[in-house]
Amino acid sequence: MKFWKMNGAGNDFVIINNMDGAIDPKHYGIIAKTLCERHMSIGADGMMFVEKPHGEADYRMAFYNSDGSQGEMCGNGARCICRFGYETGLAGEVQTVETTAGVVIGQRINERLYRIRLNDPSVLKVNYPVELDGTMRECSYVELGNPGIPHAVVPISGLTDFPERLLFDLGRKLRYHEAFPKGANVNFYEITGEDEVFERTYERGVEDFTYACGTGTGSLVSVLTLKGLVSGKNVKVNMTGGQLIIDIDREGDVIRNLYLTGPTNMVCCGEVTDEDLSF
């Protein structure tokens, strides 16, 4: 199998082209779990398989988390796969990508910068407080796409200096909280300036913090825009892996268009020779 490894603001992925259908999708989970293990294989937050589309899109993206579970979609992954699609000739500078959560539109800005139109929110609860360890915590809840990618949006004062172990424990508890039947990606945030936010995300399926989360960043800025805390235009979200930009078209309390812009990095490409991979 040939592979590419890419990252978008530090959110990293292994990509395999399966347009010819040579790999049976029933093996996707074990391939992802094996190759995403950082100490034993290539290592990544997630894995994407490029397939023939079911409809009129340029291609289809099948996304899997590093634990082998299937995800609905991934925002940074979609930006990376759009670069893959452009550079391998599967699509042009503007392209349509099928995902489990719905169709995503991608656009090449320059060699490394890509913009995607994220799936619309199917669920958006701006005020969704959660009881945790006897305390009510301020929280919002968003699902992008249908079926939706679940995100808990949680403010944390002093997030940049918050103790790592305490934040990890809090993220894990919220990720599995009964208030989120599908589980949740937990997006902690602190507003640091005008239209500028610092974010850290505990991701389900990775079960740890990732350097960036595209759908989480879109969910976060959707909530903050509806709360009137940011403008919704050129909102800069900083995280461990760099900076992502969100732009929103809003009509009242409805998010009509949600755009994610950020960098991509083609790290390496080659052939998978992992001897532990058998199916």
Protein backbone atom coordinates (compact mmCIF):
# COMPACT_ATOMS: atom_id res chain seq x y z
CA MET A 1 0.00 0.00 0.00
CA LYS A 2 1.22 3.49 -0.85
CA PHE A 3 0.61 6.19 1.75
CA TRP A 4 0.89 9.92 2.34
CA LYS A 5 1.34 11.45 5.77
CA MET A 6 0.10 15.01 6.23
CA ASN A 7 -0.83 17.37 9.02
CA GLY A 8 -3.07 20.40 9.30
CA ALA A 9 -1.90 22.68 12.13
CA GLY A 10 -0.35 19.65 13.80
CA ASN A 11 -3.45 17.42 13.49
CA ASP A 12 -1.82 14.54 11.60
CA PHE A 13 -3.16 11.85 9.28
CA VAL A 14 -2.20 8.88 7.16
CA ILE A 15 -3.89 8.89 3.73
CA ILE A 16 -4.33 5.86 1.45
CA ASN A 17 -5.82 6.03 -2.03
CA ASN A 18 -8.38 3.24 -2.42
CA MET A 19 -10.13 4.57 -5.52
CA ASP A 20 -9.54 1.20 -7.20
CA GLY A 21 -11.28 -0.64 -4.33
CA ALA A 22 -8.31 -2.97 -3.79
CA ILE A 23 -8.69 -2.73 0.00
CA ASP A 24 -11.87 -4.17 1.50
CA PRO A 25 -13.43 -1.46 3.72
CA LYS A 26 -14.03 -4.08 6.42
CA HIS A 27 -10.28 -3.87 7.08
CA TYR A 28 -10.16 -0.07 7.43
CA GLY A 29 -10.47 -0.10 11.22
CA ILE A 30 -7.58 -2.49 11.86
CA ILE A 31 -5.40 -0.74 9.28
CA ALA A 32 -6.05 2.61 10.98
CA LYS A 33 -5.43 1.27 14.48
CA THR A 34 -2.17 -0.41 13.42
CA LEU A 35 -0.68 2.39 11.33
CA CYS A 36 -1.70 5.23 13.68
CA GLU A 37 0.17 3.76 16.68
CA ARG A 38 3.01 6.24 17.12
CA HIS A 39 5.58 4.00 18.80
CA MET A 40 4.91 0.92 16.68
CA SER A 41 4.11 2.27 13.22
CA ILE A 42 3.76 5.47 11.17
CA GLY A 43 1.75 7.27 13.84
CA ALA A 44 -1.13 9.72 13.43
CA ASP A 45 -4.27 11.15 15.04
CA GLY A 46 -6.39 9.57 12.33
CA MET A 47 -6.52 7.90 8.95
CA MET A 48 -8.33 8.64 5.70
CA PHE A 49 -9.13 6.33 2.83
CA VAL A 50 -9.92 7.94 -0.54
CA GLU A 51 -12.75 6.13 -2.33
CA LYS A 52 -14.92 6.50 -5.38
CA PRO A 53 -17.89 8.77 -4.56
CA HIS A 54 -21.40 7.45 -4.17
CA GLY A 55 -22.78 10.57 -5.84
CA GLU A 56 -21.47 13.46 -7.93
CA ALA A 57 -18.53 14.47 -5.71
CA ASP A 58 -14.91 14.24 -6.85
CA TYR A 59 -14.20 11.45 -4.36
CA ARG A 60 -15.23 10.12 -0.95
CA MET A 61 -13.33 10.38 2.33
CA ALA A 62 -13.66 7.52 4.83
CA PHE A 63 -12.26 8.76 8.13
CA TYR A 64 -11.03 6.60 11.01
CA ASN A 65 -9.71 7.60 14.43
CA SER A 66 -6.41 6.30 15.76
CA ASP A 67 -8.24 3.73 17.92
CA GLY A 68 -9.77 2.18 14.80
CA SER A 69 -13.25 3.64 15.27
CA GLN A 70 -14.94 5.34 12.34
CA GLY A 71 -15.55 9.07 12.54
CA GLU A 72 -18.19 11.09 10.73
CA MET A 73 -15.76 13.66 9.35
CA CYS A 74 -12.64 15.62 10.23
CA GLY A 75 -12.12 19.30 9.40
CA ASN A 76 -8.32 19.38 9.33
CA GLY A 77 -8.37 16.00 7.65
CA ALA A 78 -10.67 17.38 4.96
CA ARG A 79 -8.26 20.27 4.30
CA CYS A 80 -5.38 17.81 3.98
CA ILE A 81 -7.31 15.46 1.74
CA CYS A 82 -8.23 18.38 -0.52
CA ARG A 83 -4.51 19.03 -1.03
CA PHE A 84 -4.04 15.32 -1.70
CA GLY A 85 -6.91 15.44 -4.22
CA TYR A 86 -5.44 18.44 -6.00
CA GLU A 87 -1.85 17.21 -6.10
CA THR A 88 -2.78 13.72 -7.31
CA GLY A 89 -5.12 15.02 -10.01
CA LEU A 90 -8.35 13.73 -8.47
CA ALA A 91 -9.82 17.24 -8.35
CA GLY A 92 -9.17 20.85 -9.26
CA GLU A 93 -8.64 23.94 -7.12
CA VAL A 94 -12.29 23.77 -6.01
CA GLN A 95 -13.55 20.32 -5.15
CA THR A 96 -16.38 18.41 -3.51
CA VAL A 97 -15.68 15.66 -1.02
CA GLU A 98 -18.23 13.14 0.24
CA THR A 99 -18.04 12.35 3.96
CA THR A 100 -20.25 10.37 6.29
CA ALA A 101 -21.48 13.69 7.73
CA GLY A 102 -22.30 15.17 4.30
CA VAL A 103 -20.56 16.86 1.37
CA VAL A 104 -17.66 19.23 2.09
CA ILE A 105 -16.48 21.89 -0.37
CA GLY A 106 -12.71 22.48 -0.51
CA GLN A 107 -10.70 25.31 -2.06
CA ARG A 108 -6.97 25.68 -2.69
CA ILE A 109 -5.77 29.13 -1.63
CA ASN A 110 -2.08 28.52 -2.35
CA GLU A 111 0.39 25.65 -2.23
CA ARG A 112 -0.11 24.98 1.48
CA LEU A 113 -3.21 26.95 2.50
CA TYR A 114 -6.62 25.30 2.04
CA ARG A 115 -10.15 26.37 2.92
CA ILE A 116 -13.17 24.14 3.38
CA ARG A 117 -16.83 24.76 3.92
CA LEU A 118 -17.64 22.65 6.96
CA ASN A 119 -20.92 20.79 7.36
CA ASP A 120 -23.75 22.92 8.76
CA PRO A 121 -24.64 22.40 12.42
CA SER A 122 -27.49 19.92 12.80
CA VAL A 123 -27.61 20.52 16.58
CA LEU A 124 -26.59 23.77 18.26
CA LYS A 125 -27.33 24.35 21.94
CA VAL A 126 -25.66 27.57 23.05
CA ASN A 127 -26.59 27.07 26.70
CA TYR A 128 -26.19 23.45 27.73
CA PRO A 129 -24.80 23.38 31.30
CA VAL A 130 -23.47 20.03 32.55
CA GLU A 131 -23.27 18.79 36.12
CA LEU A 132 -19.86 17.33 36.90
CA ASP A 133 -18.62 16.29 40.34
CA GLY A 134 -21.46 18.20 41.98
CA THR A 135 -20.77 21.45 40.10
CA MET A 136 -22.68 22.92 37.16
CA ARG A 137 -20.24 23.76 34.39
CA GLU A 138 -20.95 26.25 31.63
CA CYS A 139 -21.12 24.36 28.36
CA SER A 140 -22.50 24.49 24.82
CA TYR A 141 -23.16 21.55 22.51
CA VAL A 142 -22.81 21.37 18.74
CA GLU A 143 -23.10 18.61 16.14
CA LEU A 144 -21.74 19.39 12.69
CA GLY A 145 -23.28 17.50 9.77
CA ASN A 146 -25.83 14.72 9.74
CA PRO A 147 -25.04 12.34 11.37
CA GLY A 148 -23.33 15.02 13.39
CA ILE A 149 -19.84 15.21 14.84
CA PRO A 150 -20.42 15.98 18.56
CA HIS A 151 -18.61 18.82 20.31
CA ALA A 152 -18.80 20.16 23.87
CA VAL A 153 -17.64 23.78 24.04
CA VAL A 154 -16.35 24.67 27.52
CA PRO A 155 -14.79 27.96 28.75
CA ILE A 156 -11.72 27.69 30.98
CA SER A 157 -10.27 30.76 32.66
CA GLY A 158 -6.47 30.78 32.46
CA LEU A 159 -6.48 27.97 29.89
CA THR A 160 -2.97 28.70 28.62
CA ASP A 161 -1.50 27.94 32.07
CA PHE A 162 -4.07 25.41 33.28
CA PRO A 163 -2.43 22.30 34.84
CA GLU A 164 -2.14 19.60 32.17
CA ARG A 165 -3.22 16.67 34.32
CA LEU A 166 -6.29 18.46 35.64
CA LEU A 167 -7.32 19.50 32.12
CA PHE A 168 -6.84 15.95 30.84
CA ASP A 169 -9.00 14.51 33.63
CA LEU A 170 -11.69 17.10 33.00
CA GLY A 171 -11.63 16.46 29.27
CA ARG A 172 -11.93 12.72 29.73
CA LYS A 173 -14.85 13.03 32.17
CA LEU A 174 -16.73 15.34 29.81
CA ARG A 175 -15.95 13.22 26.77
CA TYR A 176 -17.81 10.28 28.38
CA HIS A 177 -20.47 12.34 30.20
CA GLU A 178 -24.01 11.03 30.05
CA ALA A 179 -25.14 14.41 28.70
CA PHE A 180 -23.45 13.42 25.42
CA PRO A 181 -24.91 10.06 24.29
CA LYS A 182 -22.55 9.91 21.29
CA GLY A 183 -19.57 10.93 23.37
CA ALA A 184 -18.04 14.31 22.60
CA ASN A 185 -14.93 16.07 21.45
CA VAL A 186 -14.29 18.55 24.25
CA ASN A 187 -13.22 22.02 23.08
CA PHE A 188 -11.85 24.12 25.93
CA TYR A 189 -11.39 27.79 25.15
CA GLU A 190 -10.37 31.19 26.46
CA ILE A 191 -10.96 34.48 24.63
CA THR A 192 -7.59 36.22 24.39
CA GLY A 193 -8.39 39.31 22.28
CA GLU A 194 -10.78 40.81 19.77
CA ASP A 195 -11.77 37.94 17.47
CA GLU A 196 -8.95 35.86 18.89
CA VAL A 197 -9.32 32.68 20.94
CA PHE A 198 -7.04 30.05 22.48
CA GLU A 199 -8.33 26.48 22.26
CA ARG A 200 -7.38 23.00 23.39
CA THR A 201 -9.31 19.90 22.32
CA TYR A 202 -9.65 16.48 23.92
CA GLU A 203 -10.71 14.24 21.03
CA ARG A 204 -12.78 11.10 21.21
CA GLY A 205 -11.20 8.26 19.26
CA VAL A 206 -7.75 9.64 20.04
CA GLU A 207 -8.54 9.82 23.77
CA ASP A 208 -6.06 12.60 24.33
CA PHE A 209 -5.42 16.18 23.35
CA THR A 210 -4.63 16.81 19.70
CA TYR A 211 -2.63 19.74 18.35
CA ALA A 212 -5.72 21.07 16.52
CA CYS A 213 -9.35 20.16 15.77
CA GLY A 214 -11.00 21.68 12.70
CA THR A 215 -14.63 20.73 13.34
CA GLY A 216 -14.16 21.65 17.00
CA THR A 217 -12.83 25.07 16.04
CA GLY A 218 -15.81 25.63 13.75
CA SER A 219 -18.19 24.55 16.52
CA LEU A 220 -16.46 26.79 19.05
CA VAL A 221 -16.63 29.91 16.87
CA SER A 222 -20.27 29.16 15.97
CA VAL A 223 -21.14 29.25 19.68
CA LEU A 224 -19.10 32.38 20.37
CA THR A 225 -20.62 34.16 17.37
CA LEU A 226 -24.17 33.40 18.49
CA LYS A 227 -23.24 34.60 21.99
CA GLY A 228 -21.92 37.85 20.52
CA LEU A 229 -18.42 37.25 21.88
CA VAL A 230 -16.75 37.26 18.44
CA SER A 231 -17.77 38.77 15.10
CA GLY A 232 -17.79 35.52 13.13
CA LYS A 233 -15.47 37.01 10.50
CA ASN A 234 -11.77 36.20 10.30
CA VAL A 235 -11.80 34.78 13.82
CA LYS A 236 -8.32 33.57 14.73
CA VAL A 237 -8.16 30.44 16.86
CA ASN A 238 -4.74 29.57 18.26
CA MET A 239 -3.84 26.10 19.49
CA THR A 240 -0.81 23.92 20.09
CA GLY A 241 -0.26 23.24 16.38
CA GLY A 242 -0.76 26.75 15.07
CA GLN A 243 -3.65 28.95 13.99
CA LEU A 244 -6.92 28.28 12.18
CA ILE A 245 -9.28 30.93 10.78
CA ILE A 246 -13.08 30.70 10.91
CA ASP A 247 -15.59 32.73 8.87
CA ILE A 248 -19.33 32.41 9.38
CA ASP A 249 -22.38 33.53 7.41
CA ARG A 250 -25.12 34.05 9.98
CA GLU A 251 -28.84 34.69 9.63
CA GLY A 252 -30.27 35.43 13.07
CA ASP A 253 -29.60 32.36 15.18
CA VAL A 254 -28.87 30.18 12.16
CA ILE A 255 -25.39 29.39 10.83
CA ARG A 256 -25.67 29.29 7.04
CA ASN A 257 -22.06 28.81 6.01
CA LEU A 258 -19.08 27.82 8.13
CA TYR A 259 -15.60 28.12 6.63
CA LEU A 260 -12.32 26.76 8.00
CA THR A 261 -8.98 28.00 6.64
CA GLY A 262 -5.56 26.78 7.66
CA PRO A 263 -2.18 25.34 6.68
CA THR A 264 -1.35 21.88 5.40
CA ASN A 265 2.00 20.09 5.51
CA MET A 266 2.91 17.13 3.32
CA VAL A 267 5.29 15.30 5.65
CA CYS A 268 6.19 12.16 3.71
CA CYS A 269 4.95 9.53 1.31
CA GLY A 270 6.01 5.97 0.66
CA GLU A 271 5.05 2.34 0.97
CA VAL A 272 3.55 0.65 4.02
CA THR A 273 5.72 -2.30 5.05
CA ASP A 274 4.42 -2.73 8.62
CA GLU A 275 4.89 -6.44 9.41
CA ASP A 276 2.33 -6.31 12.22
CA LEU A 277 -0.42 -5.45 9.74
CA SER A 278 -2.31 -8.60 8.79
CA PHE A 279 -5.95 -9.18 7.93
